[in-house]
PDB file of N, CA and C in Angstrom:
ATOM      1  N   MET A   1     103.974  53.696 124.750  1.00  0.00           N
ATOM      2  CA  MET A   1     103.362  55.044 124.264  1.00  0.00           C
ATOM      3  C   MET A   1     102.386  55.210 125.456  1.00  0.00           C
ATOM      4  N   GLU A   2     102.281  56.544 125.956  1.00  0.00           N
ATOM      5  CA  GLU A   2     101.296  56.622 127.026  1.00  0.00           C
ATOM      6  C   GLU A   2      99.926  56.781 126.407  1.00  0.00           C
ATOM      7  N   GLN A   3      99.041  56.523 127.072  1.00  0.00           N
ATOM      8  CA  GLN A   3      97.439  56.914 126.827  1.00  0.00           C
ATOM      9  C   GLN A   3      97.071  57.442 127.669  1.00  0.00           C
ATOM     10  N   LEU A   4      96.066  58.342 126.877  1.00  0.00           N
ATOM     11  CA  LEU A   4      95.399  59.276 127.365  1.00  0.00           C
ATOM     12  C   LEU A   4      93.532  58.914 127.518  1.00  0.00           C
ATOM     13  N   LYS A   5      92.796  59.078 128.294  1.00  0.00           N
ATOM     14  CA  LYS A   5      91.568  59.200 127.774  1.00  0.00           C
ATOM     15  C   LYS A   5      90.715  59.821 127.841  1.00  0.00           C
ATOM     16  N   ILE A   6      90.107  60.593 126.908  1.00  0.00           N
ATOM     17  CA  ILE A   6      89.006  61.712 127.512  1.00  0.00           C
ATOM     18  C   ILE A   6      87.544  61.395 127.266  1.00  0.00           C
ATOM     19  N   SER A   7      86.607  62.009 128.197  1.00  0.00           N
ATOM     20  CA  SER A   7      85.285  61.494 127.606  1.00  0.00           C
ATOM     21  C   SER A   7      84.515  62.685 127.371  1.00  0.00           C
ATOM     22  N   ILE A   8      83.693  62.546 126.078  1.00  0.00           N
ATOM     23  CA  ILE A   8      82.900  63.567 125.559  1.00  0.00           C
ATOM     24  C   ILE A   8      81.384  62.730 125.717  1.00  0.00           C
ATOM     25  N   LYS A   9      80.746  63.816 126.275  1.00  0.00           N
ATOM     26  CA  LYS A   9      78.993  63.591 125.896  1.00  0.00           C
ATOM     27  C   LYS A   9      78.477  63.502 124.294  1.00  0.00           C
ATOM     28  N   GLU A  10      78.872  64.052 123.892  1.00  0.00           N
ATOM     29  CA  GLU A  10      78.383  64.257 122.218  1.00  0.00           C
ATOM     30  C   GLU A  10      78.805  62.964 121.374  1.00  0.00           C
ATOM     31  N   ASP A  11      78.396  62.799 119.968  1.00  0.00           N
ATOM     32  CA  ASP A  11      78.662  61.922 119.365  1.00  0.00           C
ATOM     33  C   ASP A  11      80.242  62.325 118.525  1.00  0.00           C
ATOM     34  N   PHE A  12      80.896  63.307 118.733  1.00  0.00           N
ATOM     35  CA  PHE A  12      81.684  63.778 118.365  1.00  0.00           C
ATOM     36  C   PHE A  12      82.495  65.194 118.990  1.00  0.00           C
ATOM     37  N   ILE A  13      83.681  65.163 118.636  1.00  0.00           N
ATOM     38  CA  ILE A  13      84.341  66.129 119.155  1.00  0.00           C
ATOM     39  C   ILE A  13      85.164  66.883 118.177  1.00  0.00           C
ATOM     40  N   ARG A  14      85.530  67.906 117.713  1.00  0.00           N
ATOM     41  CA  ARG A  14      86.617  68.497 116.794  1.00  0.00           C
ATOM     42  C   ARG A  14      87.980  67.813 117.383  1.00  0.00           C
ATOM     43  N   LEU A  15      88.808  68.014 116.033  1.00  0.00           N
ATOM     44  CA  LEU A  15      90.408  67.379 116.485  1.00  0.00           C
ATOM     45  C   LEU A  15      91.200  68.369 117.332  1.00  0.00           C
ATOM     46  N   ASP A  16      90.897  69.691 117.129  1.00  0.00           N
ATOM     47  CA  ASP A  16      91.308  70.562 117.978  1.00  0.00           C
ATOM     48  C   ASP A  16      91.186  70.614 119.378  1.00  0.00           C
ATOM     49  N   SER A  17      89.617  70.356 119.345  1.00  0.00           N
ATOM     50  CA  SER A  17      89.515  70.939 120.794  1.00  0.00           C
ATOM     51  C   SER A  17      89.451  69.391 121.805  1.00  0.00           C
ATOM     52  N   ALA A  18      89.702  68.187 121.196  1.00  0.00           N
ATOM     53  CA  ALA A  18      90.259  66.831 121.287  1.00  0.00           C
ATOM     54  C   ALA A  18      91.987  66.959 122.168  1.00  0.00           C
ATOM     55  N   LEU A  19      92.695  67.870 121.397  1.00  0.00           N
ATOM     56  CA  LEU A  19      93.960  67.994 121.454  1.00  0.00           C
ATOM     57  C   LEU A  19      93.525  68.825 122.899  1.00  0.00           C
ATOM     58  N   LYS A  20      92.951  70.077 123.269  1.00  0.00           N
ATOM     59  CA  LYS A  20      92.550  70.558 124.166  1.00  0.00           C
ATOM     60  C   LYS A  20      92.582  70.013 125.233  1.00  0.00           C
ATOM     61  N   LEU A  21      91.367  69.388 125.363  1.00  0.00           N
ATOM     62  CA  LEU A  21      90.718  68.436 126.485  1.00  0.00           C
ATOM     63  C   LEU A  21      91.669  67.472 127.208  1.00  0.00           C
ATOM     64  N   ALA A  22      92.819  66.700 126.038  1.00  0.00           N
ATOM     65  CA  ALA A  22      93.561  65.793 126.675  1.00  0.00           C
ATOM     66  C   ALA A  22      94.749  66.539 127.369  1.00  0.00           C
ATOM     67  N   SER A  23      94.830  67.795 126.907  1.00  0.00           N
ATOM     68  CA  SER A  23      95.959  68.783 127.839  1.00  0.00           C
ATOM     69  C   SER A  23      97.348  68.379 127.170  1.00  0.00           C
ATOM     70  N   VAL A  24      97.596  68.033 125.987  1.00  0.00           N
ATOM     71  CA  VAL A  24      98.163  67.961 125.075  1.00  0.00           C
ATOM     72  C   VAL A  24      98.908  68.753 124.412  1.00  0.00           C
ATOM     73  N   VAL A  25      98.102  69.902 124.442  1.00  0.00           N
ATOM     74  CA  VAL A  25      98.288  71.312 124.148  1.00  0.00           C
ATOM     75  C   VAL A  25      97.973  72.410 124.835  1.00  0.00           C
ATOM     76  N   GLN A  26      98.630  73.511 124.655  1.00  0.00           N
ATOM     77  CA  GLN A  26      98.357  74.948 125.762  1.00  0.00           C
ATOM     78  C   GLN A  26      96.774  75.423 125.222  1.00  0.00           C
ATOM     79  N   THR A  27      96.769  75.843 123.919  1.00  0.00           N
ATOM     80  CA  THR A  27      95.587  76.559 123.181  1.00  0.00           C
ATOM     81  C   THR A  27      95.066  75.855 122.238  1.00  0.00           C
ATOM     82  N   GLY A  28      93.987  76.550 121.738  1.00  0.00           N
ATOM     83  CA  GLY A  28      93.683  76.192 120.192  1.00  0.00           C
ATOM     84  C   GLY A  28      94.604  76.825 118.988  1.00  0.00           C
ATOM     85  N   GLY A  29      95.209  77.735 119.258  1.00  0.00           N
ATOM     86  CA  GLY A  29      96.346  78.201 118.389  1.00  0.00           C
ATOM     87  C   GLY A  29      97.184  77.274 118.384  1.00  0.00           C
ATOM     88  N   HIS A  30      97.731  76.503 119.532  1.00  0.00           N
ATOM     89  CA  HIS A  30      99.056  75.778 119.359  1.00  0.00           C
ATOM     90  C   HIS A  30      98.485  74.373 118.729  1.00  0.00           C
ATOM     91  N   ALA A  31      96.989  74.206 119.148  1.00  0.00           N
ATOM     92  CA  ALA A  31      96.422  73.066 118.635  1.00  0.00           C
ATOM     93  C   ALA A  31      96.567  73.274 117.189  1.00  0.00           C
ATOM     94  N   LYS A  32      95.971  74.221 116.351  1.00  0.00           N
ATOM     95  CA  LYS A  32      96.154  74.930 114.829  1.00  0.00           C
ATOM     96  C   LYS A  32      97.016  74.216 114.355  1.00  0.00           C
ATOM     97  N   ILE A  33      98.468  74.911 115.210  1.00  0.00           N
ATOM     98  CA  ILE A  33      99.577  74.950 114.652  1.00  0.00           C
ATOM     99  C   ILE A  33     100.331  73.346 114.110  1.00  0.00           C
ATOM    100  N   VAL A  34     100.055  72.326 115.381  1.00  0.00           N
ATOM    101  CA  VAL A  34     100.492  71.009 115.488  1.00  0.00           C
ATOM    102  C   VAL A  34      99.837  70.427 114.093  1.00  0.00           C
ATOM    103  N   ILE A  35      98.544  70.714 113.977  1.00  0.00           N
ATOM    104  CA  ILE A  35      97.851  70.188 113.208  1.00  0.00           C
ATOM    105  C   ILE A  35      98.022  70.298 111.918  1.00  0.00           C
ATOM    106  N   GLN A  36      98.274  71.716 111.657  1.00  0.00           N
ATOM    107  CA  GLN A  36      98.658  72.068 109.985  1.00  0.00           C
ATOM    108  C   GLN A  36     100.258  71.796 109.883  1.00  0.00           C
ATOM    109  N   ASN A  37     100.823  71.646 110.727  1.00  0.00           N
ATOM    110  CA  ASN A  37     102.376  70.702 110.026  1.00  0.00           C
ATOM    111  C   ASN A  37     102.245  69.179 110.452  1.00  0.00           C
ATOM    112  N   GLY A  38     101.240  68.625 110.360  1.00  0.00           N
ATOM    113  CA  GLY A  38     101.294  67.329 110.001  1.00  0.00           C
ATOM    114  C   GLY A  38     101.950  66.124 111.156  1.00  0.00           C
ATOM    115  N   GLU A  39     101.799  67.000 112.349  1.00  0.00           N
ATOM    116  CA  GLU A  39     102.076  66.184 113.659  1.00  0.00           C
ATOM    117  C   GLU A  39     101.290  65.402 114.515  1.00  0.00           C
ATOM    118  N   VAL A  40     100.256  65.209 113.890  1.00  0.00           N
ATOM    119  CA  VAL A  40      98.920  64.468 114.265  1.00  0.00           C
ATOM    120  C   VAL A  40      98.406  63.571 113.588  1.00  0.00           C
ATOM    121  N   ARG A  41      98.105  62.444 114.060  1.00  0.00           N
ATOM    122  CA  ARG A  41      97.560  61.353 113.101  1.00  0.00           C
ATOM    123  C   ARG A  41      96.526  60.884 114.097  1.00  0.00           C
ATOM    124  N   VAL A  42      95.377  60.668 112.865  1.00  0.00           N
ATOM    125  CA  VAL A  42      94.083  60.157 113.316  1.00  0.00           C
ATOM    126  C   VAL A  42      93.800  58.495 112.671  1.00  0.00           C
ATOM    127  N   ASN A  43      93.520  57.649 113.539  1.00  0.00           N
ATOM    128  CA  ASN A  43      93.557  56.046 113.010  1.00  0.00           C
ATOM    129  C   ASN A  43      94.748  56.048 112.073  1.00  0.00           C
ATOM    130  N   GLY A  44      95.912  56.219 112.430  1.00  0.00           N
ATOM    131  CA  GLY A  44      97.196  56.310 111.737  1.00  0.00           C
ATOM    132  C   GLY A  44      97.560  56.949 110.457  1.00  0.00           C
ATOM    133  N   ASP A  45      96.746  57.789 110.156  1.00  0.00           N
ATOM    134  CA  ASP A  45      96.746  58.806 108.818  1.00  0.00           C
ATOM    135  C   ASP A  45      96.900  60.045 109.302  1.00  0.00           C
ATOM    136  N   ILE A  46      98.198  61.035 108.692  1.00  0.00           N
ATOM    137  CA  ILE A  46      98.378  62.468 109.327  1.00  0.00           C
ATOM    138  C   ILE A  46      96.958  63.250 108.783  1.00  0.00           C
ATOM    139  N   CYS A  47      96.689  63.868 109.690  1.00  0.00           N
ATOM    140  CA  CYS A  47      95.269  64.649 109.695  1.00  0.00           C
ATOM    141  C   CYS A  47      95.804  65.877 109.530  1.00  0.00           C
ATOM    142  N   THR A  48      95.262  67.018 108.827  1.00  0.00           N
ATOM    143  CA  THR A  48      95.814  68.547 108.866  1.00  0.00           C
ATOM    144  C   THR A  48      94.619  69.333 109.000  1.00  0.00           C
ATOM    145  N   GLN A  49      93.504  68.611 109.199  1.00  0.00           N
ATOM    146  CA  GLN A  49      91.927  69.520 109.213  1.00  0.00           C
ATOM    147  C   GLN A  49      91.965  69.493 110.559  1.00  0.00           C
ATOM    148  N   ARG A  50      92.041  70.569 111.091  1.00  0.00           N
ATOM    149  CA  ARG A  50      91.878  70.951 112.741  1.00  0.00           C
ATOM    150  C   ARG A  50      90.113  70.543 113.007  1.00  0.00           C
ATOM    151  N   GLY A  51      89.376  70.913 112.160  1.00  0.00           N
ATOM    152  CA  GLY A  51      87.638  70.575 112.414  1.00  0.00           C
ATOM    153  C   GLY A  51      87.414  69.433 112.390  1.00  0.00           C
ATOM    154  N   LYS A  52      87.905  68.264 111.905  1.00  0.00           N
ATOM    155  CA  LYS A  52      87.831  66.981 111.834  1.00  0.00           C
ATOM    156  C   LYS A  52      87.496  66.521 113.152  1.00  0.00           C
ATOM    157  N   LYS A  53      85.906  65.699 112.865  1.00  0.00           N
ATOM    158  CA  LYS A  53      85.336  65.090 113.871  1.00  0.00           C
ATOM    159  C   LYS A  53      85.581  63.723 114.218  1.00  0.00           C
ATOM    160  N   ILE A  54      86.206  63.712 115.549  1.00  0.00           N
ATOM    161  CA  ILE A  54      86.716  62.626 115.941  1.00  0.00           C
ATOM    162  C   ILE A  54      85.454  62.257 116.869  1.00  0.00           C
ATOM    163  N   ARG A  55      85.439  60.670 116.430  1.00  0.00           N
ATOM    164  CA  ARG A  55      84.236  59.994 116.828  1.00  0.00           C
ATOM    165  C   ARG A  55      84.894  58.682 117.962  1.00  0.00           C
ATOM    166  N   LEU A  56      83.799  58.125 118.615  1.00  0.00           N
ATOM    167  CA  LEU A  56      84.339  57.026 119.794  1.00  0.00           C
ATOM    168  C   LEU A  56      85.594  56.151 119.456  1.00  0.00           C
ATOM    169  N   ASN A  57      85.358  55.580 117.996  1.00  0.00           N
ATOM    170  CA  ASN A  57      86.137  54.527 117.702  1.00  0.00           C
ATOM    171  C   ASN A  57      87.316  55.024 117.015  1.00  0.00           C
ATOM    172  N   ASP A  58      87.571  56.203 117.068  1.00  0.00           N
ATOM    173  CA  ASP A  58      89.157  57.124 116.511  1.00  0.00           C
ATOM    174  C   ASP A  58      90.096  57.290 117.685  1.00  0.00           C
ATOM    175  N   ILE A  59      91.287  57.197 117.119  1.00  0.00           N
ATOM    176  CA  ILE A  59      92.264  57.187 117.967  1.00  0.00           C
ATOM    177  C   ILE A  59      93.224  58.135 117.301  1.00  0.00           C
ATOM    178  N   ILE A  60      93.422  59.152 118.393  1.00  0.00           N
ATOM    179  CA  ILE A  60      94.544  60.172 117.818  1.00  0.00           C
ATOM    180  C   ILE A  60      96.097  59.954 118.210  1.00  0.00           C
ATOM    181  N   HIS A  61      96.846  60.083 117.669  1.00  0.00           N
ATOM    182  CA  HIS A  61      98.212  60.212 118.067  1.00  0.00           C
ATOM    183  C   HIS A  61      99.158  61.431 118.001  1.00  0.00           C
ATOM    184  N   PHE A  62      99.568  61.922 118.778  1.00  0.00           N
ATOM    185  CA  PHE A  62     100.368  62.995 118.954  1.00  0.00           C
ATOM    186  C   PHE A  62     101.336  63.151 120.340  1.00  0.00           C
ATOM    187  N   ASP A  63     102.551  63.506 119.725  1.00  0.00           N
ATOM    188  CA  ASP A  63     103.778  63.864 120.626  1.00  0.00           C
ATOM    189  C   ASP A  63     104.023  62.591 121.520  1.00  0.00           C
ATOM    190  N   GLY A  64     103.774  61.189 121.085  1.00  0.00           N
ATOM    191  CA  GLY A  64     104.367  60.064 121.579  1.00  0.00           C
ATOM    192  C   GLY A  64     102.778  59.696 122.717  1.00  0.00           C
ATOM    193  N   LYS A  65     102.192  60.083 122.495  1.00  0.00           N
ATOM    194  CA  LYS A  65     100.827  60.077 123.288  1.00  0.00           C
ATOM    195  C   LYS A  65      99.683  59.462 122.490  1.00  0.00           C
ATOM    196  N   GLU A  66      98.755  58.518 123.107  1.00  0.00           N
ATOM    197  CA  GLU A  66      97.291  57.724 122.259  1.00  0.00           C
ATOM    198  C   GLU A  66      96.366  58.369 122.962  1.00  0.00           C
ATOM    199  N   ILE A  67      95.636  59.307 122.456  1.00  0.00           N
ATOM    200  CA  ILE A  67      94.403  59.884 122.835  1.00  0.00           C
ATOM    201  C   ILE A  67      93.239  59.000 122.182  1.00  0.00           C
ATOM    202  N   VAL A  68      92.544  58.413 123.057  1.00  0.00           N
ATOM    203  CA  VAL A  68      91.378  57.784 123.102  1.00  0.00           C
ATOM    204  C   VAL A  68      90.067  58.408 123.617  1.00  0.00           C
ATOM    205  N   LEU A  69      88.886  58.414 122.900  1.00  0.00           N
ATOM    206  CA  LEU A  69      87.770  58.949 123.397  1.00  0.00           C
ATOM    207  C   LEU A  69      86.768  57.660 124.179  1.00  0.00           C
ATOM    208  N   GLU A  70      86.309  58.183 125.547  1.00  0.00           N
ATOM    209  CA  GLU A  70      85.149  57.373 126.049  1.00  0.00           C
ATOM    210  C   GLU A  70      83.985  58.177 125.979  1.00  0.00           C
ATOM    211  N   ASN A  71      82.712  57.645 126.308  1.00  0.00           N
ATOM    212  CA  ASN A  71      81.587  58.049 126.258  1.00  0.00           C
ATOM    213  C   ASN A  71      81.485  58.116 127.736  1.00  0.00           C
ATOM    214  N   ALA A  72      81.061  59.682 127.985  1.00  0.00           N
ATOM    215  CA  ALA A  72      80.580  59.872 129.170  1.00  0.00           C
ATOM    216  C   ALA A  72      79.019  59.860 129.514  1.00  0.00           C
ATOM    217  N   GLY A  73      78.280  59.554 128.212  1.00  0.00           N
ATOM    218  CA  GLY A  73      76.899  59.238 128.578  1.00  0.00           C
ATOM    219  C   GLY A  73      76.455  60.475 128.361  1.00  0.00           C
ATOM    220  N   LYS A  74      74.708  60.413 127.876  1.00  0.00           N
ATOM    221  CA  LYS A  74      74.163  61.441 127.442  1.00  0.00           C
ATOM    222  C   LYS A  74      73.222  61.794 128.639  1.00  0.00           C
TER     223      LYS A  74
END
């Protein structure tokens, strides 16, 4: 499984924004569709909430990729 790392400065990022930042979806509309279709897992559980807050310890799985957040500092 390919691991992608994304850096955020805030305490959290929305799930749809995290998918866009990791470049695993093309647009916010694409993110909405894959999330609502149950194709995205957060910490092992299917997540259908596109506005779910993703924090540094959360792991996102989508399309054979694991997305991990890193702290870019404040």
